[in-house]
C-alpha cells in the first residue's frame, strides 16, 4: 500500500473493491492491462469505479486532515 492505511478497515475494504472492479473490467474488456491499464468504457468507469474512487478520496482526505 502506498499510503499508511493498513490499520484502516475502511481503506482496505475500499481498495479491495477497487481491485475487484478493475479485475472485472479487464475480464469484460472495459479495461486493457497492456501496455498499461487503459480505460475502454467510460460508462463502466462512471457506473462501477467512480463511486469507489470517491470513497477512497474521502478516506484519503480524512487522513490528511486527521
PDB file of N, CA and C in Angstrom:
ATOM      1  N   UNK A   1       0.848  -1.173   0.000  1.00  0.00           N
ATOM      2  CA  UNK A   1       0.000   0.000   0.000  1.00  0.00           C
ATOM      3  C   UNK A   1       0.889   1.231   0.000  1.00  0.00           C
ATOM      4  N   UNK A   2       0.557   2.193  -0.825  1.00  0.00           N
ATOM      5  CA  UNK A   2       1.412   3.371  -0.963  1.00  0.00           C
ATOM      6  C   UNK A   2       1.173   4.425   0.117  1.00  0.00           C
ATOM      7  N   UNK A   3       0.120   4.274   0.876  1.00  0.00           N
ATOM      8  CA  UNK A   3      -0.155   5.169   2.000  1.00  0.00           C
ATOM      9  C   UNK A   3      -0.368   4.314   3.242  1.00  0.00           C
ATOM     10  N   UNK A   4      -0.130   4.870   4.432  1.00  0.00           N
ATOM     11  CA  UNK A   4      -0.164   4.049   5.652  1.00  0.00           C
ATOM     12  C   UNK A   4      -1.582   3.775   6.165  1.00  0.00           C
ATOM     13  N   UNK A   5      -2.368   3.006   5.427  1.00  0.00           N
ATOM     14  CA  UNK A   5      -3.741   2.713   5.816  1.00  0.00           C
ATOM     15  C   UNK A   5      -3.951   1.248   6.185  1.00  0.00           C
ATOM     16  N   UNK A   6      -2.876   0.502   6.440  1.00  0.00           N
ATOM     17  CA  UNK A   6      -3.013  -0.916   6.745  1.00  0.00           C
ATOM     18  C   UNK A   6      -3.928  -1.162   7.942  1.00  0.00           C
ATOM     19  N   UNK A   7      -3.960  -0.218   8.866  1.00  0.00           N
ATOM     20  CA  UNK A   7      -4.766  -0.362  10.078  1.00  0.00           C
ATOM     21  C   UNK A   7      -6.223   0.030   9.865  1.00  0.00           C
ATOM     22  N   UNK A   8      -6.544   0.670   8.748  1.00  0.00           N
ATOM     23  CA  UNK A   8      -7.906   1.131   8.494  1.00  0.00           C
ATOM     24  C   UNK A   8      -8.695   0.080   7.724  1.00  0.00           C
ATOM     25  N   UNK A   9      -9.682  -0.495   8.387  1.00  0.00           N
ATOM     26  CA  UNK A   9     -10.519  -1.499   7.719  1.00  0.00           C
ATOM     27  C   UNK A   9     -11.267  -0.892   6.544  1.00  0.00           C
ATOM     28  N   UNK A  10     -11.720   0.362   6.707  1.00  0.00           N
ATOM     29  CA  UNK A  10     -12.450   1.024   5.622  1.00  0.00           C
ATOM     30  C   UNK A  10     -11.571   1.201   4.393  1.00  0.00           C
ATOM     31  N   UNK A  11     -10.343   1.648   4.602  1.00  0.00           N
ATOM     32  CA  UNK A  11      -9.426   1.863   3.480  1.00  0.00           C
ATOM     33  C   UNK A  11      -9.120   0.551   2.763  1.00  0.00           C
ATOM     34  N   UNK A  12      -8.828  -0.476   3.525  1.00  0.00           N
ATOM     35  CA  UNK A  12      -8.512  -1.774   2.927  1.00  0.00           C
ATOM     36  C   UNK A  12      -9.725  -2.315   2.171  1.00  0.00           C
ATOM     37  N   UNK A  13     -10.918  -2.153   2.740  1.00  0.00           N
ATOM     38  CA  UNK A  13     -12.137  -2.645   2.088  1.00  0.00           C
ATOM     39  C   UNK A  13     -12.378  -1.931   0.758  1.00  0.00           C
ATOM     40  N   UNK A  14     -12.212  -0.621   0.745  1.00  0.00           N
ATOM     41  CA  UNK A  14     -12.415   0.136  -0.497  1.00  0.00           C
ATOM     42  C   UNK A  14     -11.370  -0.252  -1.541  1.00  0.00           C
ATOM     43  N   UNK A  15     -10.135  -0.389  -1.120  1.00  0.00           N
ATOM     44  CA  UNK A  15      -9.096  -0.796  -2.071  1.00  0.00           C
ATOM     45  C   UNK A  15      -9.353  -2.197  -2.625  1.00  0.00           C
ATOM     46  N   UNK A  16      -9.852  -3.095  -1.788  1.00  0.00           N
ATOM     47  CA  UNK A  16     -10.209  -4.433  -2.274  1.00  0.00           C
ATOM     48  C   UNK A  16     -11.335  -4.359  -3.300  1.00  0.00           C
ATOM     49  N   UNK A  17     -12.317  -3.498  -3.048  1.00  0.00           N
ATOM     50  CA  UNK A  17     -13.418  -3.325  -4.006  1.00  0.00           C
ATOM     51  C   UNK A  17     -12.912  -2.730  -5.323  1.00  0.00           C
ATOM     52  N   UNK A  18     -12.014  -1.757  -5.233  1.00  0.00           N
ATOM     53  CA  UNK A  18     -11.448  -1.153  -6.444  1.00  0.00           C
ATOM     54  C   UNK A  18     -10.710  -2.215  -7.252  1.00  0.00           C
ATOM     55  N   UNK A  19      -9.921  -3.028  -6.581  1.00  0.00           N
ATOM     56  CA  UNK A  19      -9.197  -4.097  -7.283  1.00  0.00           C
ATOM     57  C   UNK A  19     -10.171  -5.058  -7.966  1.00  0.00           C
ATOM     58  N   UNK A  20     -11.237  -5.427  -7.265  1.00  0.00           N
ATOM     59  CA  UNK A  20     -12.220  -6.350  -7.833  1.00  0.00           C
ATOM     60  C   UNK A  20     -12.903  -5.746  -9.068  1.00  0.00           C
ATOM     61  N   UNK A  21     -13.213  -4.460  -9.003  1.00  0.00           N
ATOM     62  CA  UNK A  21     -13.855  -3.801 -10.142  1.00  0.00           C
ATOM     63  C   UNK A  21     -12.894  -3.707 -11.324  1.00  0.00           C
ATOM     64  N   UNK A  22     -11.646  -3.389 -11.065  1.00  0.00           N
ATOM     65  CA  UNK A  22     -10.662  -3.331 -12.154  1.00  0.00           C
ATOM     66  C   UNK A  22     -10.488  -4.720 -12.774  1.00  0.00           C
ATOM     67  N   UNK A  23     -10.390  -5.741 -11.942  1.00  0.00           N
ATOM     68  CA  UNK A  23     -10.275  -7.111 -12.467  1.00  0.00           C
ATOM     69  C   UNK A  23     -11.496  -7.479 -13.308  1.00  0.00           C
ATOM     70  N   UNK A  24     -12.680  -7.124 -12.826  1.00  0.00           N
ATOM     71  CA  UNK A  24     -13.918  -7.372 -13.586  1.00  0.00           C
ATOM     72  C   UNK A  24     -13.889  -6.607 -14.905  1.00  0.00           C
ATOM     73  N   UNK A  25     -13.429  -5.368 -14.859  1.00  0.00           N
ATOM     74  CA  UNK A  25     -13.346  -4.561 -16.070  1.00  0.00           C
ATOM     75  C   UNK A  25     -12.393  -5.136 -17.096  1.00  0.00           C
ATOM     76  N   UNK A  26     -11.283  -5.673 -16.646  1.00  0.00           N
ATOM     77  CA  UNK A  26     -10.326  -6.318 -17.555  1.00  0.00           C
ATOM     78  C   UNK A  26     -10.961  -7.562 -18.167  1.00  0.00           C
ATOM     79  N   UNK A  27     -11.618  -8.347 -17.320  1.00  0.00           N
ATOM     80  CA  UNK A  27     -12.252  -9.585 -17.789  1.00  0.00           C
ATOM     81  C   UNK A  27     -13.317  -9.300 -18.860  1.00  0.00           C
ATOM     82  N   UNK A  28     -14.095  -8.245 -18.645  1.00  0.00           N
ATOM     83  CA  UNK A  28     -15.170  -7.908 -19.581  1.00  0.00           C
ATOM     84  C   UNK A  28     -14.717  -6.963 -20.698  1.00  0.00           C
ATOM     85  N   UNK A  29     -13.421  -6.666 -20.694  1.00  0.00           N
ATOM     86  CA  UNK A  29     -12.793  -5.811 -21.708  1.00  0.00           C
ATOM     87  C   UNK A  29     -13.258  -4.352 -21.658  1.00  0.00           C
ATOM     88  N   UNK A  30     -13.501  -3.874 -20.439  1.00  0.00           N
ATOM     89  CA  UNK A  30     -13.746  -2.451 -20.218  1.00  0.00           C
ATOM     90  C   UNK A  30     -12.433  -1.731 -19.920  1.00  0.00           C
ATOM     91  N   UNK A  31     -11.408  -2.511 -19.568  1.00  0.00           N
ATOM     92  CA  UNK A  31     -10.042  -2.045 -19.390  1.00  0.00           C
ATOM     93  C   UNK A  31      -9.134  -2.976 -20.182  1.00  0.00           C
ATOM     94  N   UNK A  32      -7.973  -2.482 -20.558  1.00  0.00           N
ATOM     95  CA  UNK A  32      -6.918  -3.370 -21.040  1.00  0.00           C
ATOM     96  C   UNK A  32      -5.721  -3.186 -20.120  1.00  0.00           C
ATOM     97  N   UNK A  33      -4.954  -4.235 -19.924  1.00  0.00           N
ATOM     98  CA  UNK A  33      -3.821  -4.196 -18.997  1.00  0.00           C
ATOM     99  C   UNK A  33      -2.502  -3.860 -19.674  1.00  0.00           C
ATOM    100  N   UNK A  34      -2.381  -4.114 -20.957  1.00  0.00           N
ATOM    101  CA  UNK A  34      -1.099  -3.883 -21.620  1.00  0.00           C
ATOM    102  C   UNK A  34      -1.244  -2.837 -22.707  1.00  0.00           C
ATOM    103  N   UNK A  35      -0.317  -1.977 -22.875  1.00  0.00           N
ATOM    104  CA  UNK A  35       0.978  -1.895 -22.205  1.00  0.00           C
ATOM    105  C   UNK A  35       0.872  -1.333 -20.789  1.00  0.00           C
ATOM    106  N   UNK A  36      -0.309  -0.798 -20.432  1.00  0.00           N
ATOM    107  CA  UNK A  36      -0.593  -0.324 -19.080  1.00  0.00           C
ATOM    108  C   UNK A  36      -2.110  -0.323 -18.949  1.00  0.00           C
ATOM    109  N   UNK A  37      -2.627  -0.032 -17.773  1.00  0.00           N
ATOM    110  CA  UNK A  37      -4.073  -0.030 -17.589  1.00  0.00           C
ATOM    111  C   UNK A  37      -4.683   1.117 -18.392  1.00  0.00           C
ATOM    112  N   UNK A  38      -5.606   0.755 -19.291  1.00  0.00           N
ATOM    113  CA  UNK A  38      -6.251   1.735 -20.168  1.00  0.00           C
ATOM    114  C   UNK A  38      -7.762   1.547 -20.055  1.00  0.00           C
ATOM    115  N   UNK A  39      -8.471   2.628 -19.794  1.00  0.00           N
ATOM    116  CA  UNK A  39      -9.924   2.594 -19.726  1.00  0.00           C
ATOM    117  C   UNK A  39     -10.488   2.541 -21.139  1.00  0.00           C
ATOM    118  N   UNK A  40     -11.384   1.597 -21.375  1.00  0.00           N
ATOM    119  CA  UNK A  40     -12.005   1.461 -22.693  1.00  0.00           C
ATOM    120  C   UNK A  40     -13.496   1.777 -22.670  1.00  0.00           C
ATOM    121  N   UNK A  41     -14.082   1.902 -21.480  1.00  0.00           N
ATOM    122  CA  UNK A  41     -15.516   2.160 -21.365  1.00  0.00           C
ATOM    123  C   UNK A  41     -15.777   3.236 -20.313  1.00  0.00           C
ATOM    124  N   UNK A  42     -16.173   4.397 -20.770  1.00  0.00           N
ATOM    125  CA  UNK A  42     -16.492   5.476 -19.825  1.00  0.00           C
ATOM    126  C   UNK A  42     -17.709   5.142 -18.986  1.00  0.00           C
ATOM    127  N   UNK A  43     -18.681   4.460 -19.566  1.00  0.00           N
ATOM    128  CA  UNK A  43     -19.885   4.120 -18.797  1.00  0.00           C
ATOM    129  C   UNK A  43     -19.554   3.146 -17.656  1.00  0.00           C
ATOM    130  N   UNK A  44     -18.672   2.180 -17.902  1.00  0.00           N
ATOM    131  CA  UNK A  44     -18.248   1.268 -16.839  1.00  0.00           C
ATOM    132  C   UNK A  44     -17.542   2.050 -15.738  1.00  0.00           C
ATOM    133  N   UNK A  45     -16.670   2.959 -16.132  1.00  0.00           N
ATOM    134  CA  UNK A  45     -15.970   3.795 -15.154  1.00  0.00           C
ATOM    135  C   UNK A  45     -16.966   4.577 -14.295  1.00  0.00           C
ATOM    136  N   UNK A  46     -17.912   5.247 -14.941  1.00  0.00           N
ATOM    137  CA  UNK A  46     -18.879   6.074 -14.210  1.00  0.00           C
ATOM    138  C   UNK A  46     -19.766   5.245 -13.299  1.00  0.00           C
ATOM    139  N   UNK A  47     -20.172   4.101 -13.773  1.00  0.00           N
ATOM    140  CA  UNK A  47     -21.099   3.252 -13.036  1.00  0.00           C
ATOM    141  C   UNK A  47     -20.414   2.461 -11.924  1.00  0.00           C
ATOM    142  N   UNK A  48     -19.248   1.908 -12.187  1.00  0.00           N
ATOM    143  CA  UNK A  48     -18.632   0.956 -11.272  1.00  0.00           C
ATOM    144  C   UNK A  48     -17.455   1.517 -10.468  1.00  0.00           C
ATOM    145  N   UNK A  49     -16.586   2.251 -11.125  1.00  0.00           N
ATOM    146  CA  UNK A  49     -15.328   2.637 -10.474  1.00  0.00           C
ATOM    147  C   UNK A  49     -15.388   4.022  -9.834  1.00  0.00           C
ATOM    148  N   UNK A  50     -16.027   4.950 -10.459  1.00  0.00           N
ATOM    149  CA  UNK A  50     -16.062   6.334  -9.959  1.00  0.00           C
ATOM    150  C   UNK A  50     -16.582   6.433  -8.514  1.00  0.00           C
ATOM    151  N   UNK A  51     -17.686   5.744  -8.156  1.00  0.00           N
ATOM    152  CA  UNK A  51     -18.146   5.828  -6.758  1.00  0.00           C
ATOM    153  C   UNK A  51     -17.111   5.302  -5.755  1.00  0.00           C
ATOM    154  N   UNK A  52     -16.400   4.251  -6.129  1.00  0.00           N
ATOM    155  CA  UNK A  52     -15.368   3.708  -5.233  1.00  0.00           C
ATOM    156  C   UNK A  52     -14.185   4.658  -5.108  1.00  0.00           C
ATOM    157  N   UNK A  53     -13.820   5.301  -6.200  1.00  0.00           N
ATOM    158  CA  UNK A  53     -12.731   6.277  -6.133  1.00  0.00           C
ATOM    159  C   UNK A  53     -13.122   7.471  -5.273  1.00  0.00           C
ATOM    160  N   UNK A  54     -14.393   7.854  -5.312  1.00  0.00           N
ATOM    161  CA  UNK A  54     -14.870   8.936  -4.441  1.00  0.00           C
ATOM    162  C   UNK A  54     -14.751   8.529  -2.972  1.00  0.00           C
ATOM    163  N   UNK A  55     -15.094   7.274  -2.662  1.00  0.00           N
ATOM    164  CA  UNK A  55     -14.924   6.773  -1.285  1.00  0.00           C
ATOM    165  C   UNK A  55     -13.458   6.823  -0.878  1.00  0.00           C
ATOM    166  N   UNK A  56     -12.586   6.379  -1.782  1.00  0.00           N
ATOM    167  CA  UNK A  56     -11.153   6.363  -1.487  1.00  0.00           C
ATOM    168  C   UNK A  56     -10.633   7.780  -1.239  1.00  0.00           C
ATOM    169  N   UNK A  57     -11.065   8.727  -2.043  1.00  0.00           N
ATOM    170  CA  UNK A  57     -10.633  10.113  -1.875  1.00  0.00           C
ATOM    171  C   UNK A  57     -11.095  10.660  -0.527  1.00  0.00           C
ATOM    172  N   UNK A  58     -12.328  10.329  -0.130  1.00  0.00           N
ATOM    173  CA  UNK A  58     -12.835  10.790   1.172  1.00  0.00           C
ATOM    174  C   UNK A  58     -11.989  10.226   2.310  1.00  0.00           C
ATOM    175  N   UNK A  59     -11.626   8.961   2.236  1.00  0.00           N
ATOM    176  CA  UNK A  59     -10.780   8.346   3.269  1.00  0.00           C
ATOM    177  C   UNK A  59      -9.404   9.006   3.280  1.00  0.00           C
ATOM    178  N   UNK A  60      -8.837   9.188   2.097  1.00  0.00           N
ATOM    179  CA  UNK A  60      -7.518   9.811   1.987  1.00  0.00           C
ATOM    180  C   UNK A  60      -7.510  11.231   2.563  1.00  0.00           C
ATOM    181  N   UNK A  61      -8.525  12.026   2.207  1.00  0.00           N
ATOM    182  CA  UNK A  61      -8.585  13.396   2.700  1.00  0.00           C
ATOM    183  C   UNK A  61      -8.805  13.450   4.207  1.00  0.00           C
ATOM    184  N   UNK A  62      -9.623  12.544   4.729  1.00  0.00           N
ATOM    185  CA  UNK A  62      -9.833  12.499   6.181  1.00  0.00           C
ATOM    186  C   UNK A  62      -8.527  12.193   6.896  1.00  0.00           C
ATOM    187  N   UNK A  63      -7.718  11.339   6.312  1.00  0.00           N
ATOM    188  CA  UNK A  63      -6.427  11.006   6.897  1.00  0.00           C
ATOM    189  C   UNK A  63      -5.491  12.220   6.870  1.00  0.00           C
ATOM    190  N   UNK A  64      -5.532  12.987   5.791  1.00  0.00           N
ATOM    191  CA  UNK A  64      -4.669  14.166   5.654  1.00  0.00           C
ATOM    192  C   UNK A  64      -5.037  15.246   6.663  1.00  0.00           C
ATOM    193  N   UNK A  65      -6.322  15.411   6.917  1.00  0.00           N
ATOM    194  CA  UNK A  65      -6.802  16.425   7.863  1.00  0.00           C
ATOM    195  C   UNK A  65      -6.581  15.944   9.292  1.00  0.00           C
ATOM    196  N   UNK A  66      -6.799  14.636   9.481  1.00  0.00           N
ATOM    197  CA  UNK A  66      -6.813  13.932  10.713  1.00  0.00           C
ATOM    198  C   UNK A  66      -5.984  14.252  11.821  1.00  0.00           C
TER     199      UNK A  66
END
